[in-house]
């Protein structure tokens, strides 16, 4: 039972649950935004839905193209409105990470400390 309690109370699990909930909520926002953009495109230049379009009798090409256009819009929005601002804020406000000590550097520190104590 202790192992299960440790697993449940581990910070990573809580962070993952919060990320999952926020991701689900964010997905509905992005889906609504994508539908809005598709609607604007439909008004500007005709319906951007290719659902009824067939190539060589294949009926699945049209829905695939519609999904592809929606994905590209979604990727554009996520990259330029989430990823880029996050990277800029991170570079501006986060301190640069310290270099991790390597085995060689730790051994060199121990050697230097031992030399300093002998004298």
Foldseek 3Di string as FASTA:
>chain_A
DVVVVCVCPDPVNVVVVVCVVVVVVVVVVLVVVLVVVQVVVCVVPNRPQQQPPDDPNDNVPRNVSVVVVSVVVSVVCCCPVPVVVVVVCCVVPPDDDDDDDDPVNVVVVVVVVVVVVVD
